[in-house]
Amino acid sequence: MGKQIYDDNGCSVAYAMSIIGGKWKIAIIWKLMEKKLRYSELRAQLNGVTEGVLSSQLKELATDGVIKRITDNVVPLRVEYELTLQGRKLESALLEIEQWGAQKRTSTTSVL
């Protein structure tokens, strides 16, 4: 069976983070915001991710309805990943987080 979704007494943030949290899921979603990508393209763009971790993270995101796996019946088999409508709803939140991170990085750097 799949991973257990964490729900801390009905906290929606905890629930959402149990689905998209972790080192690689946000990075995967971020890459897929621009366009659909093949597994090999994602792996090349995510420095340091292992094949096993990428594969499991993609499966979990697909199971949770954040991304979808698209298979073309050509030889060799062509598999691409793209955000679902639910996954696309994360875009504005991630763009806000990006802006916050850029501001935080700038303010931290200028203090040092």
C-alpha atoms as a PDB file:
ATOM      1  CA  MET A   1       0.000   0.000   0.000  1.00  0.00           C
ATOM      2  CA  GLY A   2       1.098   3.640  -0.457  1.00  0.00           C
ATOM      3  CA  LYS A   3       2.358   6.090   2.098  1.00  0.00           C
ATOM      4  CA  GLN A   4       0.073   7.280   4.840  1.00  0.00           C
ATOM      5  CA  ILE A   5      -1.196  10.835   4.427  1.00  0.00           C
ATOM      6  CA  TYR A   6      -0.476  12.870   7.557  1.00  0.00           C
ATOM      7  CA  ASP A   7      -3.405  14.823   8.950  1.00  0.00           C
ATOM      8  CA  ASP A   8      -2.632  16.669  12.195  1.00  0.00           C
ATOM      9  CA  ASN A   9      -6.095  17.184  13.683  1.00  0.00           C
ATOM     10  CA  GLY A  10      -7.550  18.522  10.459  1.00  0.00           C
ATOM     11  CA  CYS A  11      -4.689  20.935   9.670  1.00  0.00           C
ATOM     12  CA  SER A  12      -4.876  21.573   5.940  1.00  0.00           C
ATOM     13  CA  VAL A  13      -1.264  22.759   5.742  1.00  0.00           C
ATOM     14  CA  ALA A  14      -0.002  19.553   7.361  1.00  0.00           C
ATOM     15  CA  TYR A  15      -2.166  17.541   4.993  1.00  0.00           C
ATOM     16  CA  ALA A  16      -0.887  19.405   1.923  1.00  0.00           C
ATOM     17  CA  MET A  17       2.724  19.096   3.042  1.00  0.00           C
ATOM     18  CA  SER A  18       2.303  15.357   3.522  1.00  0.00           C
ATOM     19  CA  ILE A  19       1.520  15.204  -0.198  1.00  0.00           C
ATOM     20  CA  ILE A  20       4.041  17.674  -1.653  1.00  0.00           C
ATOM     21  CA  GLY A  21       6.672  17.923   1.085  1.00  0.00           C
ATOM     22  CA  GLY A  22      10.174  16.543   0.970  1.00  0.00           C
ATOM     23  CA  LYS A  23      13.347  17.360  -0.884  1.00  0.00           C
ATOM     24  CA  TRP A  24      12.330  16.403  -4.420  1.00  0.00           C
ATOM     25  CA  LYS A  25       8.559  16.760  -4.852  1.00  0.00           C
ATOM     26  CA  ILE A  26       8.532  20.561  -4.977  1.00  0.00           C
ATOM     27  CA  ALA A  27      11.464  20.491  -7.406  1.00  0.00           C
ATOM     28  CA  ILE A  28       9.610  18.023  -9.637  1.00  0.00           C
ATOM     29  CA  ILE A  29       6.446  20.127  -9.570  1.00  0.00           C
ATOM     30  CA  TRP A  30       8.508  23.263 -10.287  1.00  0.00           C
ATOM     31  CA  LYS A  31      10.086  21.671 -13.382  1.00  0.00           C
ATOM     32  CA  LEU A  32       6.703  20.467 -14.629  1.00  0.00           C
ATOM     33  CA  MET A  33       5.138  23.923 -14.281  1.00  0.00           C
ATOM     34  CA  GLU A  34       6.868  24.969 -17.505  1.00  0.00           C
ATOM     35  CA  LYS A  35       6.127  21.925 -19.667  1.00  0.00           C
ATOM     36  CA  LYS A  36       5.660  18.180 -19.613  1.00  0.00           C
ATOM     37  CA  LEU A  37       8.905  16.261 -19.384  1.00  0.00           C
ATOM     38  CA  ARG A  38      10.215  12.752 -19.884  1.00  0.00           C
ATOM     39  CA  TYR A  39      11.763  10.863 -16.984  1.00  0.00           C
ATOM     40  CA  SER A  40      15.250  11.321 -18.433  1.00  0.00           C
ATOM     41  CA  GLU A  41      14.704  15.076 -18.825  1.00  0.00           C
ATOM     42  CA  LEU A  42      13.545  15.390 -15.222  1.00  0.00           C
ATOM     43  CA  ARG A  43      16.509  13.361 -13.989  1.00  0.00           C
ATOM     44  CA  ALA A  44      18.930  15.549 -15.948  1.00  0.00           C
ATOM     45  CA  GLN A  45      17.406  18.729 -14.492  1.00  0.00           C
ATOM     46  CA  LEU A  46      17.343  17.504 -10.879  1.00  0.00           C
ATOM     47  CA  ASN A  47      20.975  17.383  -9.826  1.00  0.00           C
ATOM     48  CA  GLY A  48      21.635  14.708  -7.230  1.00  0.00           C
ATOM     49  CA  VAL A  49      18.383  12.754  -7.402  1.00  0.00           C
ATOM     50  CA  THR A  50      18.790   8.990  -7.689  1.00  0.00           C
ATOM     51  CA  GLU A  51      16.744   6.908 -10.106  1.00  0.00           C
ATOM     52  CA  GLY A  52      14.977   5.116  -7.264  1.00  0.00           C
ATOM     53  CA  VAL A  53      14.047   8.303  -5.437  1.00  0.00           C
ATOM     54  CA  LEU A  54      12.839  10.035  -8.606  1.00  0.00           C
ATOM     55  CA  SER A  55      10.782   7.013  -9.581  1.00  0.00           C
ATOM     56  CA  SER A  56       9.145   6.737  -6.145  1.00  0.00           C
ATOM     57  CA  GLN A  57       8.450  10.483  -5.932  1.00  0.00           C
ATOM     58  CA  LEU A  58       6.832  10.461  -9.385  1.00  0.00           C
ATOM     59  CA  LYS A  59       4.668   7.481  -8.406  1.00  0.00           C
ATOM     60  CA  GLU A  60       3.561   9.168  -5.172  1.00  0.00           C
ATOM     61  CA  LEU A  61       2.759  12.456  -6.929  1.00  0.00           C
ATOM     62  CA  ALA A  62       0.753  10.552  -9.554  1.00  0.00           C
ATOM     63  CA  THR A  63      -1.092   8.516  -6.901  1.00  0.00           C
ATOM     64  CA  ASP A  64      -1.939  11.733  -5.056  1.00  0.00           C
ATOM     65  CA  GLY A  65      -3.278  13.332  -8.254  1.00  0.00           C
ATOM     66  CA  VAL A  66      -0.641  16.064  -8.555  1.00  0.00           C
ATOM     67  CA  ILE A  67       0.920  14.808 -11.787  1.00  0.00           C
ATOM     68  CA  LYS A  68      -0.101  12.395 -14.488  1.00  0.00           C
ATOM     69  CA  ARG A  69       1.907   9.906 -16.476  1.00  0.00           C
ATOM     70  CA  ILE A  70       1.316  10.025 -20.223  1.00  0.00           C
ATOM     71  CA  THR A  71       2.337   7.012 -22.299  1.00  0.00           C
ATOM     72  CA  ASP A  72       2.665   7.103 -26.084  1.00  0.00           C
ATOM     73  CA  ASN A  73       2.394   3.701 -27.678  1.00  0.00           C
ATOM     74  CA  VAL A  74       5.455   4.075 -29.854  1.00  0.00           C
ATOM     75  CA  VAL A  75       8.641   2.048 -29.965  1.00  0.00           C
ATOM     76  CA  PRO A  76      10.566   2.725 -27.863  1.00  0.00           C
ATOM     77  CA  LEU A  77       7.887   3.488 -25.292  1.00  0.00           C
ATOM     78  CA  ARG A  78       7.633   7.226 -24.614  1.00  0.00           C
ATOM     79  CA  VAL A  79       6.525   8.312 -21.144  1.00  0.00           C
ATOM     80  CA  GLU A  80       6.046  11.945 -20.136  1.00  0.00           C
ATOM     81  CA  TYR A  81       4.887  13.588 -16.937  1.00  0.00           C
ATOM     82  CA  GLU A  82       2.757  16.699 -16.570  1.00  0.00           C
ATOM     83  CA  LEU A  83       0.827  18.474 -13.863  1.00  0.00           C
ATOM     84  CA  THR A  84      -2.840  17.659 -13.421  1.00  0.00           C
ATOM     85  CA  LEU A  85      -5.406  20.398 -12.876  1.00  0.00           C
ATOM     86  CA  GLN A  86      -4.904  19.878  -9.129  1.00  0.00           C
ATOM     87  CA  GLY A  87      -1.152  20.151  -9.615  1.00  0.00           C
ATOM     88  CA  ARG A  88      -1.566  23.389 -11.583  1.00  0.00           C
ATOM     89  CA  LYS A  89      -3.363  24.884  -8.581  1.00  0.00           C
ATOM     90  CA  LEU A  90      -0.016  24.830  -6.765  1.00  0.00           C
ATOM     91  CA  GLU A  91       1.604  27.223  -9.248  1.00  0.00           C
ATOM     92  CA  SER A  92       0.571  30.493  -7.623  1.00  0.00           C
ATOM     93  CA  ALA A  93       1.624  29.256  -4.183  1.00  0.00           C
ATOM     94  CA  LEU A  94       5.019  28.127  -5.473  1.00  0.00           C
ATOM     95  CA  LEU A  95       5.575  31.434  -7.272  1.00  0.00           C
ATOM     96  CA  GLU A  96       4.849  33.242  -3.990  1.00  0.00           C
ATOM     97  CA  ILE A  97       7.310  30.961  -2.190  1.00  0.00           C
ATOM     98  CA  GLU A  98       9.890  31.693  -4.896  1.00  0.00           C
ATOM     99  CA  GLN A  99       9.476  35.442  -4.336  1.00  0.00           C
ATOM    100  CA  TRP A 100       9.694  35.010  -0.571  1.00  0.00           C
ATOM    101  CA  GLY A 101      12.860  32.938  -0.961  1.00  0.00           C
ATOM    102  CA  ALA A 102      14.453  35.508  -3.267  1.00  0.00           C
ATOM    103  CA  GLN A 103      13.683  38.318  -0.820  1.00  0.00           C
ATOM    104  CA  LYS A 104      14.914  36.274   2.128  1.00  0.00           C
ATOM    105  CA  ARG A 105      18.117  35.325   0.299  1.00  0.00           C
ATOM    106  CA  THR A 106      18.777  38.983  -0.589  1.00  0.00           C
ATOM    107  CA  SER A 107      18.114  40.232   2.938  1.00  0.00           C
ATOM    108  CA  THR A 108      20.231  37.473   4.499  1.00  0.00           C
ATOM    109  CA  THR A 109      23.095  38.053   2.073  1.00  0.00           C
ATOM    110  CA  SER A 110      23.107  41.823   2.651  1.00  0.00           C
ATOM    111  CA  VAL A 111      23.266  41.353   6.431  1.00  0.00           C
ATOM    112  CA  LEU A 112      26.356  39.171   6.176  1.00  0.00           C
END
